Amino acid sequence: MQAVALWRITLGVGGLVGSLVMGGFFARLQG
């Protein structure tokens, strides 16, 4: 059960960081 919670937290953090990186990338593309 703990492994599932850790996996969900990892996916959540990964998604948050990924969205921030993609947002910064598109912002840089648009100048």
PDB file of N, CA and C in Angstrom:
ATOM      1  N   MET A   1       0.838  -1.199   0.000  1.00  0.00           N
ATOM      2  CA  MET A   1       0.000   0.000   0.000  1.00  0.00           C
ATOM      3  C   MET A   1       0.875   1.252   0.000  1.00  0.00           C
ATOM      4  N   GLN A   2       1.961   1.196   0.732  1.00  0.00           N
ATOM      5  CA  GLN A   2       2.853   2.352   0.791  1.00  0.00           C
ATOM      6  C   GLN A   2       3.507   2.596  -0.570  1.00  0.00           C
ATOM      7  N   ALA A   3       3.802   1.498  -1.285  1.00  0.00           N
ATOM      8  CA  ALA A   3       4.436   1.630  -2.601  1.00  0.00           C
ATOM      9  C   ALA A   3       3.487   2.339  -3.569  1.00  0.00           C
ATOM     10  N   VAL A   4       2.192   2.034  -3.467  1.00  0.00           N
ATOM     11  CA  VAL A   4       1.211   2.675  -4.356  1.00  0.00           C
ATOM     12  C   VAL A   4       1.134   4.168  -4.058  1.00  0.00           C
ATOM     13  N   ALA A   5       1.129   4.522  -2.769  1.00  0.00           N
ATOM     14  CA  ALA A   5       1.071   5.936  -2.392  1.00  0.00           C
ATOM     15  C   ALA A   5       2.309   6.668  -2.895  1.00  0.00           C
ATOM     16  N   LEU A   6       3.467   6.036  -2.733  1.00  0.00           N
ATOM     17  CA  LEU A   6       4.714   6.650  -3.190  1.00  0.00           C
ATOM     18  C   LEU A   6       4.695   6.821  -4.701  1.00  0.00           C
ATOM     19  N   TRP A   7       4.150   5.820  -5.412  1.00  0.00           N
ATOM     20  CA  TRP A   7       4.071   5.884  -6.880  1.00  0.00           C
ATOM     21  C   TRP A   7       3.169   7.034  -7.309  1.00  0.00           C
ATOM     22  N   ARG A   8       2.036   7.205  -6.604  1.00  0.00           N
ATOM     23  CA  ARG A   8       1.111   8.290  -6.953  1.00  0.00           C
ATOM     24  C   ARG A   8       1.753   9.648  -6.689  1.00  0.00           C
ATOM     25  N   ILE A   9       2.485   9.761  -5.586  1.00  0.00           N
ATOM     26  CA  ILE A   9       3.171  11.020  -5.269  1.00  0.00           C
ATOM     27  C   ILE A   9       4.221  11.317  -6.328  1.00  0.00           C
ATOM     28  N   THR A  10       4.957  10.272  -6.747  1.00  0.00           N
ATOM     29  CA  THR A  10       5.996  10.460  -7.766  1.00  0.00           C
ATOM     30  C   THR A  10       5.376  10.934  -9.072  1.00  0.00           C
ATOM     31  N   LEU A  11       4.253  10.320  -9.456  1.00  0.00           N
ATOM     32  CA  LEU A  11       3.572  10.722 -10.693  1.00  0.00           C
ATOM     33  C   LEU A  11       3.062  12.153 -10.570  1.00  0.00           C
ATOM     34  N   GLY A  12       2.538  12.507  -9.410  1.00  0.00           N
ATOM     35  CA  GLY A  12       2.015  13.861  -9.200  1.00  0.00           C
ATOM     36  C   GLY A  12       3.115  14.901  -9.315  1.00  0.00           C
ATOM     37  N   VAL A  13       4.239  14.660  -8.638  1.00  0.00           N
ATOM     38  CA  VAL A  13       5.362  15.598  -8.688  1.00  0.00           C
ATOM     39  C   VAL A  13       5.930  15.654 -10.099  1.00  0.00           C
ATOM     40  N   GLY A  14       6.052  14.495 -10.741  1.00  0.00           N
ATOM     41  CA  GLY A  14       6.583  14.444 -12.109  1.00  0.00           C
ATOM     42  C   GLY A  14       5.698  15.228 -13.064  1.00  0.00           C
ATOM     43  N   GLY A  15       4.384  15.094 -12.902  1.00  0.00           N
ATOM     44  CA  GLY A  15       3.458  15.824 -13.763  1.00  0.00           C
ATOM     45  C   GLY A  15       3.561  17.326 -13.538  1.00  0.00           C
ATOM     46  N   LEU A  16       3.708  17.721 -12.266  1.00  0.00           N
ATOM     47  CA  LEU A  16       3.811  19.146 -11.941  1.00  0.00           C
ATOM     48  C   LEU A  16       5.074  19.739 -12.542  1.00  0.00           C
ATOM     49  N   VAL A  17       6.201  19.065 -12.337  1.00  0.00           N
ATOM     50  CA  VAL A  17       7.473  19.544 -12.884  1.00  0.00           C
ATOM     51  C   VAL A  17       7.421  19.547 -14.409  1.00  0.00           C
ATOM     52  N   GLY A  18       6.846  18.507 -14.979  1.00  0.00           N
ATOM     53  CA  GLY A  18       6.750  18.416 -16.437  1.00  0.00           C
ATOM     54  C   GLY A  18       5.940  19.568 -17.016  1.00  0.00           C
ATOM     55  N   SER A  19       4.814  19.895 -16.360  1.00  0.00           N
ATOM     56  CA  SER A  19       3.981  20.990 -16.861  1.00  0.00           C
ATOM     57  C   SER A  19       4.723  22.318 -16.754  1.00  0.00           C
ATOM     58  N   LEU A  20       5.483  22.502 -15.673  1.00  0.00           N
ATOM     59  CA  LEU A  20       6.257  23.735 -15.509  1.00  0.00           C
ATOM     60  C   LEU A  20       7.326  23.843 -16.579  1.00  0.00           C
ATOM     61  N   VAL A  21       8.016  22.740 -16.847  1.00  0.00           N
ATOM     62  CA  VAL A  21       9.076  22.741 -17.860  1.00  0.00           C
ATOM     63  C   VAL A  21       8.491  23.025 -19.238  1.00  0.00           C
ATOM     64  N   MET A  22       7.378  22.353 -19.562  1.00  0.00           N
ATOM     65  CA  MET A  22       6.760  22.569 -20.871  1.00  0.00           C
ATOM     66  C   MET A  22       6.249  23.999 -20.988  1.00  0.00           C
ATOM     67  N   GLY A  23       5.696  24.555 -19.909  1.00  0.00           N
ATOM     68  CA  GLY A  23       5.214  25.938 -19.922  1.00  0.00           C
ATOM     69  C   GLY A  23       6.357  26.906 -20.179  1.00  0.00           C
ATOM     70  N   GLY A  24       7.490  26.694 -19.510  1.00  0.00           N
ATOM     71  CA  GLY A  24       8.653  27.550 -19.716  1.00  0.00           C
ATOM     72  C   GLY A  24       9.204  27.403 -21.121  1.00  0.00           C
ATOM     73  N   PHE A  25       9.158  26.180 -21.650  1.00  0.00           N
ATOM     74  CA  PHE A  25       9.671  25.929 -22.999  1.00  0.00           C
ATOM     75  C   PHE A  25       8.833  26.670 -24.038  1.00  0.00           C
ATOM     76  N   PHE A  26       7.500  26.573 -23.908  1.00  0.00           N
ATOM     77  CA  PHE A  26       6.622  27.256 -24.869  1.00  0.00           C
ATOM     78  C   PHE A  26       6.735  28.772 -24.709  1.00  0.00           C
ATOM     79  N   ALA A  27       6.893  29.242 -23.469  1.00  0.00           N
ATOM     80  CA  ALA A  27       7.044  30.679 -23.245  1.00  0.00           C
ATOM     81  C   ALA A  27       8.313  31.176 -23.918  1.00  0.00           C
ATOM     82  N   ARG A  28       9.373  30.394 -23.851  1.00  0.00           N
ATOM     83  CA  ARG A  28      10.637  30.786 -24.481  1.00  0.00           C
ATOM     84  C   ARG A  28      10.501  30.747 -26.005  1.00  0.00           C
ATOM     85  N   LEU A  29       9.729  29.774 -26.512  1.00  0.00           N
ATOM     86  CA  LEU A  29       9.519  29.672 -27.961  1.00  0.00           C
ATOM     87  C   LEU A  29       8.795  30.913 -28.479  1.00  0.00           C
ATOM     88  N   GLN A  30       7.809  31.382 -27.728  1.00  0.00           N
ATOM     89  CA  GLN A  30       7.019  32.534 -28.160  1.00  0.00           C
ATOM     90  C   GLN A  30       7.776  33.844 -27.937  1.00  0.00           C
ATOM     91  N   GLY A  31       8.915  33.786 -27.243  1.00  0.00           N
ATOM     92  CA  GLY A  31       9.726  34.965 -27.034  1.00  0.00           C
ATOM     93  C   GLY A  31       9.255  35.776 -25.843  1.00  0.00           C
TER      94      GLY A  31
END
